[in-house]
Amino acid sequence: MKIDGWTVEKALHVGLTMEQGAMKLYTDAQKMVKNPGSKQLLKELAGDETKHAEYFEKALKDPKKVMDSSKASDLTRVVQDLGVSDPLKGEPLSKDATYQDILIFAAKSEKTANEFYMALAKQYKGHPLARMWEEFAKMEAGHKLKLEKEYDEVVLADN
């Protein structure tokens, strides 16, 4: 995705759309799985994405307020990447998607979101929002890690 020349507003709109899509993915996926632990993981991820979307909605209403209060909670924290889903083929989800399909698709979506936010952080280097984009990138990397651990513990354990 090319982001050169984007306004802050455009970046916030795209971020909001991505977060809303992830929220819907996790909410819909909860209905497709039976395992209570898996349902809980998906519920937590949906909750995180809801908070992210709300943040972007607030930022769109008053970008200056977000820029003035922009601070990173812990920019030195490194999120591990297991890379479990990286070589796997991600297919668009169908009504008949398995939990494995959901995890692969979601992990790949989180990787895309992470890369998007890192590109924005680079594009906005020196801008007050750069730290915010870096923090969102780390959160998405954290989501990918949770999904890959779930894949490892549930899907690979069953095989």
Protein backbone atom coordinates (compact mmCIF):
# COMPACT_ATOMS: atom_id res chain seq x y z
CA MET A 1 0.00 0.00 0.00
CA LYS A 2 1.51 3.31 -1.07
CA ILE A 3 1.20 6.00 1.60
CA ASP A 4 3.37 8.79 0.18
CA GLY A 5 1.62 12.13 0.41
CA TRP A 6 -1.16 10.92 2.69
CA THR A 7 -2.69 13.39 5.08
CA VAL A 8 -3.03 12.55 8.76
CA GLU A 9 -6.78 12.36 8.20
CA LYS A 10 -6.40 9.80 5.38
CA ALA A 11 -4.06 7.66 7.51
CA LEU A 12 -6.51 7.78 10.42
CA HIS A 13 -9.43 6.82 8.14
CA VAL A 14 -7.54 3.83 6.73
CA GLY A 15 -6.47 2.79 10.24
CA LEU A 16 -10.09 3.02 11.41
CA THR A 17 -11.27 0.89 8.49
CA MET A 18 -8.61 -1.74 9.21
CA GLU A 19 -9.48 -1.87 12.91
CA GLN A 20 -13.20 -2.15 12.18
CA GLY A 21 -12.49 -5.01 9.76
CA ALA A 22 -10.42 -6.84 12.38
CA MET A 23 -13.12 -6.26 15.00
CA LYS A 24 -15.72 -7.81 12.67
CA LEU A 25 -13.42 -10.73 11.86
CA TYR A 26 -12.94 -11.62 15.52
CA THR A 27 -16.60 -11.06 16.41
CA ASP A 28 -17.78 -13.25 13.53
CA ALA A 29 -15.14 -15.90 14.25
CA GLN A 30 -16.37 -16.23 17.85
CA LYS A 31 -19.62 -17.61 16.45
CA MET A 32 -17.76 -20.22 14.40
CA VAL A 33 -15.67 -21.84 17.13
CA LYS A 34 -16.79 -24.18 19.89
CA ASN A 35 -13.78 -24.26 22.23
CA PRO A 36 -14.36 -21.86 25.18
CA GLY A 37 -10.68 -20.88 25.30
CA SER A 38 -10.68 -20.07 21.61
CA LYS A 39 -13.88 -18.05 21.99
CA GLN A 40 -12.25 -16.11 24.84
CA LEU A 41 -9.13 -15.34 22.79
CA LEU A 42 -11.24 -14.08 19.90
CA LYS A 43 -13.37 -12.01 22.30
CA GLU A 44 -10.25 -10.39 23.75
CA LEU A 45 -8.88 -9.60 20.30
CA ALA A 46 -12.24 -8.13 19.24
CA GLY A 47 -12.17 -5.97 22.36
CA ASP A 48 -8.67 -4.72 21.56
CA GLU A 49 -9.68 -3.89 18.00
CA THR A 50 -12.78 -2.07 19.29
CA LYS A 51 -10.57 0.11 21.50
CA HIS A 52 -8.27 0.81 18.54
CA ALA A 53 -11.22 1.81 16.36
CA GLU A 54 -12.56 4.09 19.09
CA TYR A 55 -9.16 5.74 19.37
CA PHE A 56 -9.10 6.46 15.64
CA GLU A 57 -12.67 7.80 15.76
CA LYS A 58 -11.64 10.21 18.52
CA ALA A 59 -8.52 11.15 16.59
CA LEU A 60 -10.59 11.96 13.51
CA LYS A 61 -12.82 14.25 15.56
CA ASP A 62 -9.84 16.11 17.05
CA PRO A 63 -6.44 15.13 15.57
CA LYS A 64 -4.64 17.91 17.43
CA LYS A 65 -5.72 16.51 20.79
CA VAL A 66 -4.29 13.11 19.86
CA MET A 67 -1.04 14.66 18.67
CA ASP A 68 -0.69 16.71 21.84
CA SER A 69 -1.23 13.68 24.05
CA SER A 70 0.68 11.24 21.84
CA LYS A 71 3.00 9.15 23.94
CA ALA A 72 4.25 5.63 23.66
CA SER A 73 3.63 3.34 26.59
CA ASP A 74 6.78 1.35 25.97
CA LEU A 75 8.48 1.83 22.63
CA THR A 76 11.49 -0.21 23.71
CA ARG A 77 9.41 -3.36 24.13
CA VAL A 78 10.08 -5.89 21.40
CA VAL A 79 7.29 -8.24 20.41
CA GLN A 80 8.38 -11.73 19.47
CA ASP A 81 7.34 -12.98 16.04
CA LEU A 82 7.04 -16.75 15.85
CA GLY A 83 6.58 -16.58 12.07
CA VAL A 84 4.34 -19.65 12.23
CA SER A 85 1.75 -18.22 9.86
CA ASP A 86 4.17 -16.51 7.46
CA PRO A 87 4.69 -19.43 5.05
CA LEU A 88 1.07 -20.56 5.22
CA LYS A 89 -1.34 -19.66 2.47
CA GLY A 90 -4.09 -17.33 3.64
CA GLU A 91 -7.40 -17.74 1.88
CA PRO A 92 -10.40 -15.43 2.13
CA LEU A 93 -12.72 -16.82 4.77
CA SER A 94 -15.82 -18.68 3.73
CA LYS A 95 -18.86 -19.67 5.79
CA ASP A 96 -17.25 -23.10 6.11
CA ALA A 97 -13.90 -21.79 7.40
CA THR A 98 -12.18 -23.95 9.96
CA TYR A 99 -10.57 -22.58 13.10
CA GLN A 100 -7.23 -23.18 11.39
CA ASP A 101 -8.38 -21.06 8.43
CA ILE A 102 -9.49 -18.30 10.80
CA LEU A 103 -6.19 -18.27 12.68
CA ILE A 104 -4.12 -18.15 9.49
CA PHE A 105 -6.25 -15.41 7.95
CA ALA A 106 -6.24 -13.38 11.17
CA ALA A 107 -2.47 -13.72 11.70
CA LYS A 108 -1.81 -12.61 8.14
CA SER A 109 -4.20 -9.67 8.64
CA GLU A 110 -2.36 -8.66 11.81
CA LYS A 111 0.95 -8.84 9.95
CA THR A 112 -0.46 -6.56 7.25
CA ALA A 113 -1.70 -4.12 9.90
CA ASN A 114 1.70 -4.16 11.61
CA GLU A 115 3.47 -3.40 8.33
CA PHE A 116 0.98 -0.63 7.54
CA TYR A 117 1.50 1.09 10.90
CA MET A 118 5.29 0.73 10.65
CA ALA A 119 5.20 2.34 7.20
CA LEU A 120 3.14 5.20 8.65
CA ALA A 121 5.59 5.60 11.53
CA LYS A 122 8.42 5.85 9.01
CA GLN A 123 6.47 8.26 6.80
CA TYR A 124 5.61 10.48 9.77
CA LYS A 125 9.09 10.35 11.33
CA GLY A 126 9.54 13.45 13.45
CA HIS A 127 5.79 14.08 13.55
CA PRO A 128 3.97 13.69 16.90
CA LEU A 129 1.89 10.85 15.46
CA ALA A 130 4.92 8.70 14.58
CA ARG A 131 5.00 7.32 18.13
CA MET A 132 1.31 6.47 17.96
CA TRP A 133 1.80 4.52 14.71
CA GLU A 134 4.75 2.66 16.25
CA GLU A 135 2.64 1.71 19.25
CA PHE A 136 -0.20 0.46 17.05
CA ALA A 137 2.33 -1.58 15.04
CA LYS A 138 3.51 -3.24 18.24
CA MET A 139 -0.04 -3.98 19.35
CA GLU A 140 -0.78 -5.66 16.02
CA ALA A 141 2.45 -7.66 16.29
CA GLY A 142 1.26 -8.73 19.73
CA HIS A 143 -2.05 -9.88 18.26
CA LYS A 144 -0.19 -11.88 15.61
CA LEU A 145 1.89 -13.50 18.35
CA LYS A 146 -1.25 -14.51 20.29
CA LEU A 147 -2.79 -15.99 17.16
CA GLU A 148 0.36 -17.90 16.28
CA LYS A 149 0.64 -19.29 19.80
CA GLU A 150 -2.98 -20.40 19.55
CA TYR A 151 -2.24 -21.99 16.18
CA ASP A 152 0.76 -23.77 17.65
CA GLU A 153 -1.12 -24.96 20.76
CA VAL A 154 -4.45 -25.88 19.16
CA VAL A 155 -4.01 -26.65 15.47
CA LEU A 156 -0.51 -28.14 15.46
CA ALA A 157 -1.17 -30.04 18.69
CA ASP A 158 -4.14 -31.76 17.03
CA ASN A 159 -2.01 -32.98 14.11
